[in-house]
Amino acid sequence: EKNHSHLLRGALRTLAVEARAKSM
């Protein structure tokens, strides 16, 4: 779609939360 959708922001949030929780 050549843009960063709301779906992507949510996926990155999930990734970041998990990374922090796992001390990454």
mmCIF file of all heavy atoms, coordinates in Angstrom:
data_MODEL
# 
_entry.id   MODEL 
# 
loop_
_atom_site.group_PDB 
_atom_site.id 
_atom_site.type_symbol 
_atom_site.label_atom_id 
_atom_site.label_alt_id 
_atom_site.label_comp_id 
_atom_site.label_asym_id 
_atom_site.label_entity_id 
_atom_site.label_seq_id 
_atom_site.pdbx_PDB_ins_code 
_atom_site.Cartn_x 
_atom_site.Cartn_y 
_atom_site.Cartn_z 
_atom_site.occupancy 
_atom_site.B_iso_or_equiv 
_atom_site.pdbx_formal_charge 
_atom_site.auth_seq_id 
_atom_site.auth_comp_id 
_atom_site.auth_asym_id 
_atom_site.auth_atom_id 
_atom_site.pdbx_PDB_model_num 
ATOM 1   N N   . GLU A 1 1  ? 0.814  -1.222  0.000  1.00 0.00 ? 1  GLU A N   1 
ATOM 2   C CA  . GLU A 1 1  ? 0.000  0.000   0.000  1.00 0.00 ? 1  GLU A CA  1 
ATOM 3   C C   . GLU A 1 1  ? 0.845  1.268   0.000  1.00 0.00 ? 1  GLU A C   1 
ATOM 4   O O   . GLU A 1 1  ? 0.312  2.363   -0.075 1.00 0.00 ? 1  GLU A O   1 
ATOM 5   C CB  . GLU A 1 1  ? -0.938 0.000   1.202  1.00 0.00 ? 1  GLU A CB  1 
ATOM 6   C CG  . GLU A 1 1  ? -1.980 -1.083  1.130  1.00 0.00 ? 1  GLU A CG  1 
ATOM 7   C CD  . GLU A 1 1  ? -2.920 -1.070  2.315  1.00 0.00 ? 1  GLU A CD  1 
ATOM 8   O OE1 . GLU A 1 1  ? -2.724 -0.281  3.259  1.00 0.00 ? 1  GLU A OE1 1 
ATOM 9   O OE2 . GLU A 1 1  ? -3.870 -1.863  2.291  1.00 0.00 ? 1  GLU A OE2 1 
ATOM 10  N N   . LYS A 1 2  ? 2.163  1.109   0.150  1.00 0.00 ? 2  LYS A N   1 
ATOM 11  C CA  . LYS A 1 2  ? 3.113  2.224   0.173  1.00 0.00 ? 2  LYS A CA  1 
ATOM 12  C C   . LYS A 1 2  ? 2.851  3.210   1.307  1.00 0.00 ? 2  LYS A C   1 
ATOM 13  O O   . LYS A 1 2  ? 3.025  4.420   1.165  1.00 0.00 ? 2  LYS A O   1 
ATOM 14  C CB  . LYS A 1 2  ? 3.145  2.941   -1.166 1.00 0.00 ? 2  LYS A CB  1 
ATOM 15  C CG  . LYS A 1 2  ? 3.671  2.053   -2.282 1.00 0.00 ? 2  LYS A CG  1 
ATOM 16  C CD  . LYS A 1 2  ? 3.863  2.829   -3.533 1.00 0.00 ? 2  LYS A CD  1 
ATOM 17  C CE  . LYS A 1 2  ? 4.377  2.068   -4.717 1.00 0.00 ? 2  LYS A CE  1 
ATOM 18  N NZ  . LYS A 1 2  ? 4.588  0.709   -4.739 1.00 0.00 ? 2  LYS A NZ  1 
ATOM 19  N N   . ASN A 1 3  ? 2.409  2.681   2.440  1.00 0.00 ? 3  ASN A N   1 
ATOM 20  C CA  . ASN A 1 3  ? 2.281  3.504   3.644  1.00 0.00 ? 3  ASN A CA  1 
ATOM 21  C C   . ASN A 1 3  ? 2.281  2.583   4.854  1.00 0.00 ? 3  ASN A C   1 
ATOM 22  O O   . ASN A 1 3  ? 2.126  1.374   4.736  1.00 0.00 ? 3  ASN A O   1 
ATOM 23  C CB  . ASN A 1 3  ? 1.029  4.383   3.611  1.00 0.00 ? 3  ASN A CB  1 
ATOM 24  C CG  . ASN A 1 3  ? -0.245 3.583   3.735  1.00 0.00 ? 3  ASN A CG  1 
ATOM 25  O OD1 . ASN A 1 3  ? -0.361 2.664   4.535  1.00 0.00 ? 3  ASN A OD1 1 
ATOM 26  N ND2 . ASN A 1 3  ? -1.230 3.931   2.935  1.00 0.00 ? 3  ASN A ND2 1 
ATOM 27  N N   . HIS A 1 4  ? 2.474  3.175   6.008  1.00 0.00 ? 4  HIS A N   1 
ATOM 28  C CA  . HIS A 1 4  ? 2.470  2.390   7.245  1.00 0.00 ? 4  HIS A CA  1 
ATOM 29  C C   . HIS A 1 4  ? 1.078  2.473   7.857  1.00 0.00 ? 4  HIS A C   1 
ATOM 30  O O   . HIS A 1 4  ? 0.663  3.515   8.336  1.00 0.00 ? 4  HIS A O   1 
ATOM 31  C CB  . HIS A 1 4  ? 3.530  2.898   8.217  1.00 0.00 ? 4  HIS A CB  1 
ATOM 32  C CG  . HIS A 1 4  ? 4.923  2.632   7.741  1.00 0.00 ? 4  HIS A CG  1 
ATOM 33  N ND1 . HIS A 1 4  ? 5.408  1.361   7.576  1.00 0.00 ? 4  HIS A ND1 1 
ATOM 34  C CD2 . HIS A 1 4  ? 5.912  3.459   7.379  1.00 0.00 ? 4  HIS A CD2 1 
ATOM 35  C CE1 . HIS A 1 4  ? 6.652  1.421   7.145  1.00 0.00 ? 4  HIS A CE1 1 
ATOM 36  N NE2 . HIS A 1 4  ? 6.981  2.679   7.011  1.00 0.00 ? 4  HIS A NE2 1 
ATOM 37  N N   . SER A 1 5  ? 0.402  1.371   7.811  1.00 0.00 ? 5  SER A N   1 
ATOM 38  C CA  . SER A 1 5  ? -0.975 1.324   8.267  1.00 0.00 ? 5  SER A CA  1 
ATOM 39  C C   . SER A 1 5  ? -1.062 1.255   9.789  1.00 0.00 ? 5  SER A C   1 
ATOM 40  O O   . SER A 1 5  ? -0.089 1.012   10.489 1.00 0.00 ? 5  SER A O   1 
ATOM 41  C CB  . SER A 1 5  ? -1.668 0.101   7.662  1.00 0.00 ? 5  SER A CB  1 
ATOM 42  O OG  . SER A 1 5  ? -1.081 -1.075  8.191  1.00 0.00 ? 5  SER A OG  1 
ATOM 43  N N   . HIS A 1 6  ? -2.279 1.444   10.269 1.00 0.00 ? 6  HIS A N   1 
ATOM 44  C CA  . HIS A 1 6  ? -2.579 1.303   11.694 1.00 0.00 ? 6  HIS A CA  1 
ATOM 45  C C   . HIS A 1 6  ? -2.242 -0.135  12.148 1.00 0.00 ? 6  HIS A C   1 
ATOM 46  O O   . HIS A 1 6  ? -1.786 -0.351  13.253 1.00 0.00 ? 6  HIS A O   1 
ATOM 47  C CB  . HIS A 1 6  ? -4.052 1.631   11.934 1.00 0.00 ? 6  HIS A CB  1 
ATOM 48  C CG  . HIS A 1 6  ? -4.467 1.551   13.346 1.00 0.00 ? 6  HIS A CG  1 
ATOM 49  N ND1 . HIS A 1 6  ? -3.936 2.360   14.333 1.00 0.00 ? 6  HIS A ND1 1 
ATOM 50  C CD2 . HIS A 1 6  ? -5.359 0.748   13.964 1.00 0.00 ? 6  HIS A CD2 1 
ATOM 51  C CE1 . HIS A 1 6  ? -4.490 2.062   15.487 1.00 0.00 ? 6  HIS A CE1 1 
ATOM 52  N NE2 . HIS A 1 6  ? -5.350 1.086   15.290 1.00 0.00 ? 6  HIS A NE2 1 
ATOM 53  N N   . LEU A 1 7  ? -2.465 -1.090  11.273 1.00 0.00 ? 7  LEU A N   1 
ATOM 54  C CA  . LEU A 1 7  ? -2.157 -2.487  11.557 1.00 0.00 ? 7  LEU A CA  1 
ATOM 55  C C   . LEU A 1 7  ? -0.670 -2.664  11.866 1.00 0.00 ? 7  LEU A C   1 
ATOM 56  O O   . LEU A 1 7  ? -0.292 -3.383  12.790 1.00 0.00 ? 7  LEU A O   1 
ATOM 57  C CB  . LEU A 1 7  ? -2.561 -3.349  10.358 1.00 0.00 ? 7  LEU A CB  1 
ATOM 58  C CG  . LEU A 1 7  ? -2.252 -4.840  10.400 1.00 0.00 ? 7  LEU A CG  1 
ATOM 59  C CD1 . LEU A 1 7  ? -3.108 -5.521  11.468 1.00 0.00 ? 7  LEU A CD1 1 
ATOM 60  C CD2 . LEU A 1 7  ? -2.525 -5.465  9.044  1.00 0.00 ? 7  LEU A CD2 1 
ATOM 61  N N   . LEU A 1 8  ? 0.174  -1.978  11.113 1.00 0.00 ? 8  LEU A N   1 
ATOM 62  C CA  . LEU A 1 8  ? 1.615  -2.075  11.331 1.00 0.00 ? 8  LEU A CA  1 
ATOM 63  C C   . LEU A 1 8  ? 2.007  -1.483  12.683 1.00 0.00 ? 8  LEU A C   1 
ATOM 64  O O   . LEU A 1 8  ? 2.810  -2.056  13.407 1.00 0.00 ? 8  LEU A O   1 
ATOM 65  C CB  . LEU A 1 8  ? 2.381  -1.388  10.202 1.00 0.00 ? 8  LEU A CB  1 
ATOM 66  C CG  . LEU A 1 8  ? 3.900  -1.435  10.318 1.00 0.00 ? 8  LEU A CG  1 
ATOM 67  C CD1 . LEU A 1 8  ? 4.418  -2.863  10.403 1.00 0.00 ? 8  LEU A CD1 1 
ATOM 68  C CD2 . LEU A 1 8  ? 4.532  -0.717  9.139  1.00 0.00 ? 8  LEU A CD2 1 
ATOM 69  N N   . ARG A 1 9  ? 1.435  -0.352  13.043 1.00 0.00 ? 9  ARG A N   1 
ATOM 70  C CA  . ARG A 1 9  ? 1.733  0.268   14.340 1.00 0.00 ? 9  ARG A CA  1 
ATOM 71  C C   . ARG A 1 9  ? 1.379  -0.712  15.468 1.00 0.00 ? 9  ARG A C   1 
ATOM 72  O O   . ARG A 1 9  ? 2.144  -0.873  16.407 1.00 0.00 ? 9  ARG A O   1 
ATOM 73  C CB  . ARG A 1 9  ? 0.967  1.581   14.479 1.00 0.00 ? 9  ARG A CB  1 
ATOM 74  C CG  . ARG A 1 9  ? 1.092  2.269   15.812 1.00 0.00 ? 9  ARG A CG  1 
ATOM 75  C CD  . ARG A 1 9  ? 2.453  2.807   16.107 1.00 0.00 ? 9  ARG A CD  1 
ATOM 76  N NE  . ARG A 1 9  ? 2.713  4.035   15.403 1.00 0.00 ? 9  ARG A NE  1 
ATOM 77  C CZ  . ARG A 1 9  ? 3.746  4.812   15.680 1.00 0.00 ? 9  ARG A CZ  1 
ATOM 78  N NH1 . ARG A 1 9  ? 4.586  4.512   16.636 1.00 0.00 ? 9  ARG A NH1 1 
ATOM 79  N NH2 . ARG A 1 9  ? 3.955  5.890   14.984 1.00 0.00 ? 9  ARG A NH2 1 
ATOM 80  N N   . GLY A 1 10 ? 0.259  -1.379  15.357 1.00 0.00 ? 10 GLY A N   1 
ATOM 81  C CA  . GLY A 1 10 ? -0.139 -2.359  16.377 1.00 0.00 ? 10 GLY A CA  1 
ATOM 82  C C   . GLY A 1 10 ? 0.818  -3.537  16.444 1.00 0.00 ? 10 GLY A C   1 
ATOM 83  O O   . GLY A 1 10 ? 1.162  -4.014  17.530 1.00 0.00 ? 10 GLY A O   1 
ATOM 84  N N   . ALA A 1 11 ? 1.261  -4.010  15.285 1.00 0.00 ? 11 ALA A N   1 
ATOM 85  C CA  . ALA A 1 11 ? 2.206  -5.132  15.245 1.00 0.00 ? 11 ALA A CA  1 
ATOM 86  C C   . ALA A 1 11 ? 3.546  -4.730  15.860 1.00 0.00 ? 11 ALA A C   1 
ATOM 87  O O   . ALA A 1 11 ? 4.160  -5.508  16.607 1.00 0.00 ? 11 ALA A O   1 
ATOM 88  C CB  . ALA A 1 11 ? 2.400  -5.612  13.810 1.00 0.00 ? 11 ALA A CB  1 
ATOM 89  N N   . LEU A 1 12 ? 3.990  -3.510  15.579 1.00 0.00 ? 12 LEU A N   1 
ATOM 90  C CA  . LEU A 1 12 ? 5.246  -3.033  16.168 1.00 0.00 ? 12 LEU A CA  1 
ATOM 91  C C   . LEU A 1 12 ? 5.114  -2.854  17.677 1.00 0.00 ? 12 LEU A C   1 
ATOM 92  O O   . LEU A 1 12 ? 6.056  -3.109  18.421 1.00 0.00 ? 12 LEU A O   1 
ATOM 93  C CB  . LEU A 1 12 ? 5.680  -1.725  15.510 1.00 0.00 ? 12 LEU A CB  1 
ATOM 94  C CG  . LEU A 1 12 ? 6.151  -1.849  14.069 1.00 0.00 ? 12 LEU A CG  1 
ATOM 95  C CD1 . LEU A 1 12 ? 6.474  -0.473  13.509 1.00 0.00 ? 12 LEU A CD1 1 
ATOM 96  C CD2 . LEU A 1 12 ? 7.347  -2.776  13.956 1.00 0.00 ? 12 LEU A CD2 1 
ATOM 97  N N   . ARG A 1 13 ? 3.945  -2.422  18.125 1.00 0.00 ? 13 ARG A N   1 
ATOM 98  C CA  . ARG A 1 13 ? 3.709  -2.281  19.565 1.00 0.00 ? 13 ARG A CA  1 
ATOM 99  C C   . ARG A 1 13 ? 3.799  -3.657  20.231 1.00 0.00 ? 13 ARG A C   1 
ATOM 100 O O   . ARG A 1 13 ? 4.459  -3.802  21.261 1.00 0.00 ? 13 ARG A O   1 
ATOM 101 C CB  . ARG A 1 13 ? 2.348  -1.650  19.817 1.00 0.00 ? 13 ARG A CB  1 
ATOM 102 C CG  . ARG A 1 13 ? 2.062  -1.393  21.287 1.00 0.00 ? 13 ARG A CG  1 
ATOM 103 C CD  . ARG A 1 13 ? 0.780  -0.605  21.489 1.00 0.00 ? 13 ARG A CD  1 
ATOM 104 N NE  . ARG A 1 13 ? 0.881  0.683   20.819 1.00 0.00 ? 13 ARG A NE  1 
ATOM 105 C CZ  . ARG A 1 13 ? 0.082  1.082   19.824 1.00 0.00 ? 13 ARG A CZ  1 
ATOM 106 N NH1 . ARG A 1 13 ? -0.889 0.316   19.395 1.00 0.00 ? 13 ARG A NH1 1 
ATOM 107 N NH2 . ARG A 1 13 ? 0.242  2.265   19.268 1.00 0.00 ? 13 ARG A NH2 1 
ATOM 108 N N   . THR A 1 14 ? 3.162  -4.653  19.642 1.00 0.00 ? 14 THR A N   1 
ATOM 109 C CA  . THR A 1 14 ? 3.224  -6.012  20.174 1.00 0.00 ? 14 THR A CA  1 
ATOM 110 C C   . THR A 1 14 ? 4.667  -6.501  20.235 1.00 0.00 ? 14 THR A C   1 
ATOM 111 O O   . THR A 1 14 ? 5.113  -7.064  21.238 1.00 0.00 ? 14 THR A O   1 
ATOM 112 C CB  . THR A 1 14 ? 2.385  -6.973  19.306 1.00 0.00 ? 14 THR A CB  1 
ATOM 113 O OG1 . THR A 1 14 ? 1.028  -6.522  19.305 1.00 0.00 ? 14 THR A OG1 1 
ATOM 114 C CG2 . THR A 1 14 ? 2.448  -8.393  19.807 1.00 0.00 ? 14 THR A CG2 1 
ATOM 115 N N   . LEU A 1 15 ? 5.406  -6.261  19.160 1.00 0.00 ? 15 LEU A N   1 
ATOM 116 C CA  . LEU A 1 15 ? 6.812  -6.668  19.089 1.00 0.00 ? 15 LEU A CA  1 
ATOM 117 C C   . LEU A 1 15 ? 7.634  -5.967  20.169 1.00 0.00 ? 15 LEU A C   1 
ATOM 118 O O   . LEU A 1 15 ? 8.421  -6.600  20.878 1.00 0.00 ? 15 LEU A O   1 
ATOM 119 C CB  . LEU A 1 15 ? 7.369  -6.343  17.698 1.00 0.00 ? 15 LEU A CB  1 
ATOM 120 C CG  . LEU A 1 15 ? 8.842  -6.645  17.450 1.00 0.00 ? 15 LEU A CG  1 
ATOM 121 C CD1 . LEU A 1 15 ? 9.120  -8.142  17.550 1.00 0.00 ? 15 LEU A CD1 1 
ATOM 122 C CD2 . LEU A 1 15 ? 9.258  -6.104  16.085 1.00 0.00 ? 15 LEU A CD2 1 
ATOM 123 N N   . ALA A 1 16 ? 7.457  -4.663  20.316 1.00 0.00 ? 16 ALA A N   1 
ATOM 124 C CA  . ALA A 1 16 ? 8.235  -3.893  21.287 1.00 0.00 ? 16 ALA A CA  1 
ATOM 125 C C   . ALA A 1 16 ? 7.918  -4.301  22.723 1.00 0.00 ? 16 ALA A C   1 
ATOM 126 O O   . ALA A 1 16 ? 8.829  -4.445  23.549 1.00 0.00 ? 16 ALA A O   1 
ATOM 127 C CB  . ALA A 1 16 ? 7.973  -2.400  21.097 1.00 0.00 ? 16 ALA A CB  1 
ATOM 128 N N   . VAL A 1 17 ? 6.643  -4.518  23.012 1.00 0.00 ? 17 VAL A N   1 
ATOM 129 C CA  . VAL A 1 17 ? 6.253  -4.941  24.364 1.00 0.00 ? 17 VAL A CA  1 
ATOM 130 C C   . VAL A 1 17 ? 6.875  -6.290  24.684 1.00 0.00 ? 17 VAL A C   1 
ATOM 131 O O   . VAL A 1 17 ? 7.421  -6.504  25.773 1.00 0.00 ? 17 VAL A O   1 
ATOM 132 C CB  . VAL A 1 17 ? 4.711  -4.980  24.493 1.00 0.00 ? 17 VAL A CB  1 
ATOM 133 C CG1 . VAL A 1 17 ? 4.271  -5.719  25.748 1.00 0.00 ? 17 VAL A CG1 1 
ATOM 134 C CG2 . VAL A 1 17 ? 4.142  -3.568  24.479 1.00 0.00 ? 17 VAL A CG2 1 
ATOM 135 N N   . GLU A 1 18 ? 6.823  -7.206  23.741 1.00 0.00 ? 18 GLU A N   1 
ATOM 136 C CA  . GLU A 1 18 ? 7.414  -8.524  23.958 1.00 0.00 ? 18 GLU A CA  1 
ATOM 137 C C   . GLU A 1 18 ? 8.932  -8.435  24.106 1.00 0.00 ? 18 GLU A C   1 
ATOM 138 O O   . GLU A 1 18 ? 9.517  -9.098  24.964 1.00 0.00 ? 18 GLU A O   1 
ATOM 139 C CB  . GLU A 1 18 ? 7.044  -9.469  22.811 1.00 0.00 ? 18 GLU A CB  1 
ATOM 140 C CG  . GLU A 1 18 ? 7.473  -10.894 23.053 1.00 0.00 ? 18 GLU A CG  1 
ATOM 141 C CD  . GLU A 1 18 ? 6.999  -11.853 21.991 1.00 0.00 ? 18 GLU A CD  1 
ATOM 142 O OE1 . GLU A 1 18 ? 5.972  -11.586 21.310 1.00 0.00 ? 18 GLU A OE1 1 
ATOM 143 O OE2 . GLU A 1 18 ? 7.661  -12.892 21.836 1.00 0.00 ? 18 GLU A OE2 1 
ATOM 144 N N   . ALA A 1 19 ? 9.551  -7.600  23.304 1.00 0.00 ? 19 ALA A N   1 
ATOM 145 C CA  . ALA A 1 19 ? 11.011 -7.432  23.384 1.00 0.00 ? 19 ALA A CA  1 
ATOM 146 C C   . ALA A 1 19 ? 11.415 -6.894  24.757 1.00 0.00 ? 19 ALA A C   1 
ATOM 147 O O   . ALA A 1 19 ? 12.371 -7.388  25.368 1.00 0.00 ? 19 ALA A O   1 
ATOM 148 C CB  . ALA A 1 19 ? 11.498 -6.496  22.278 1.00 0.00 ? 19 ALA A CB  1 
ATOM 149 N N   . ARG A 1 20 ? 10.702 -5.889  25.246 1.00 0.00 ? 20 ARG A N   1 
ATOM 150 C CA  . ARG A 1 20 ? 11.004 -5.348  26.580 1.00 0.00 ? 20 ARG A CA  1 
ATOM 151 C C   . ARG A 1 20 ? 10.784 -6.397  27.658 1.00 0.00 ? 20 ARG A C   1 
ATOM 152 O O   . ARG A 1 20 ? 11.595 -6.547  28.565 1.00 0.00 ? 20 ARG A O   1 
ATOM 153 C CB  . ARG A 1 20 ? 10.133 -4.125  26.874 1.00 0.00 ? 20 ARG A CB  1 
ATOM 154 C CG  . ARG A 1 20 ? 10.655 -2.852  26.292 1.00 0.00 ? 20 ARG A CG  1 
ATOM 155 C CD  . ARG A 1 20 ? 9.983  -1.620  26.881 1.00 0.00 ? 20 ARG A CD  1 
ATOM 156 N NE  . ARG A 1 20 ? 8.554  -1.762  27.129 1.00 0.00 ? 20 ARG A NE  1 
ATOM 157 C CZ  . ARG A 1 20 ? 7.580  -1.379  26.297 1.00 0.00 ? 20 ARG A CZ  1 
ATOM 158 N NH1 . ARG A 1 20 ? 7.892  -0.810  25.153 1.00 0.00 ? 20 ARG A NH1 1 
ATOM 159 N NH2 . ARG A 1 20 ? 6.325  -1.530  26.620 1.00 0.00 ? 20 ARG A NH2 1 
ATOM 160 N N   . ALA A 1 21 ? 9.690  -7.146  27.552 1.00 0.00 ? 21 ALA A N   1 
ATOM 161 C CA  . ALA A 1 21 ? 9.366  -8.170  28.547 1.00 0.00 ? 21 ALA A CA  1 
ATOM 162 C C   . ALA A 1 21 ? 10.426 -9.266  28.590 1.00 0.00 ? 21 ALA A C   1 
ATOM 163 O O   . ALA A 1 21 ? 10.665 -9.872  29.640 1.00 0.00 ? 21 ALA A O   1 
ATOM 164 C CB  . ALA A 1 21 ? 7.996  -8.778  28.256 1.00 0.00 ? 21 ALA A CB  1 
ATOM 165 N N   . LYS A 1 22 ? 11.068 -9.494  27.456 1.00 0.00 ? 22 LYS A N   1 
ATOM 166 C CA  . LYS A 1 22 ? 12.087 -10.546 27.375 1.00 0.00 ? 22 LYS A CA  1 
ATOM 167 C C   . LYS A 1 22 ? 13.494 -9.976  27.464 1.00 0.00 ? 22 LYS A C   1 
ATOM 168 O O   . LYS A 1 22 ? 14.463 -10.631 27.088 1.00 0.00 ? 22 LYS A O   1 
ATOM 169 C CB  . LYS A 1 22 ? 11.889 -11.354 26.096 1.00 0.00 ? 22 LYS A CB  1 
ATOM 170 C CG  . LYS A 1 22 ? 10.568 -12.120 26.144 1.00 0.00 ? 22 LYS A CG  1 
ATOM 171 C CD  . LYS A 1 22 ? 10.356 -12.976 24.941 1.00 0.00 ? 22 LYS A CD  1 
ATOM 172 C CE  . LYS A 1 22 ? 9.075  -13.789 25.124 1.00 0.00 ? 22 LYS A CE  1 
ATOM 173 N NZ  . LYS A 1 22 ? 8.800  -14.628 23.981 1.00 0.00 ? 22 LYS A NZ  1 
ATOM 174 N N   . SER A 1 23 ? 13.604 -8.732  27.950 1.00 0.00 ? 23 SER A N   1 
ATOM 175 C CA  . SER A 1 23 ? 14.887 -8.058  28.174 1.00 0.00 ? 23 SER A CA  1 
ATOM 176 C C   . SER A 1 23 ? 15.756 -7.992  26.923 1.00 0.00 ? 23 SER A C   1 
ATOM 177 O O   . SER A 1 23 ? 16.980 -8.094  26.993 1.00 0.00 ? 23 SER A O   1 
ATOM 178 C CB  . SER A 1 23 ? 15.650 -8.728  29.312 1.00 0.00 ? 23 SER A CB  1 
ATOM 179 O OG  . SER A 1 23 ? 14.898 -8.690  30.496 1.00 0.00 ? 23 SER A OG  1 
ATOM 180 N N   . MET A 1 24 ? 15.136 -7.787  25.817 1.00 0.00 ? 24 MET A N   1 
ATOM 181 C CA  . MET A 1 24 ? 15.856 -7.638  24.560 1.00 0.00 ? 24 MET A CA  1 
ATOM 182 C C   . MET A 1 24 ? 16.332 -6.190  24.449 1.00 0.00 ? 24 MET A C   1 
ATOM 183 O O   . MET A 1 24 ? 15.563 -5.261  24.699 1.00 0.00 ? 24 MET A O   1 
ATOM 184 C CB  . MET A 1 24 ? 14.902 -7.977  23.408 1.00 0.00 ? 24 MET A CB  1 
ATOM 185 C CG  . MET A 1 24 ? 15.536 -8.458  22.174 1.00 0.00 ? 24 MET A CG  1 
ATOM 186 S SD  . MET A 1 24 ? 14.226 -9.042  21.041 1.00 0.00 ? 24 MET A SD  1 
ATOM 187 C CE  . MET A 1 24 ? 15.216 -9.245  19.600 1.00 0.00 ? 24 MET A CE  1 
# 
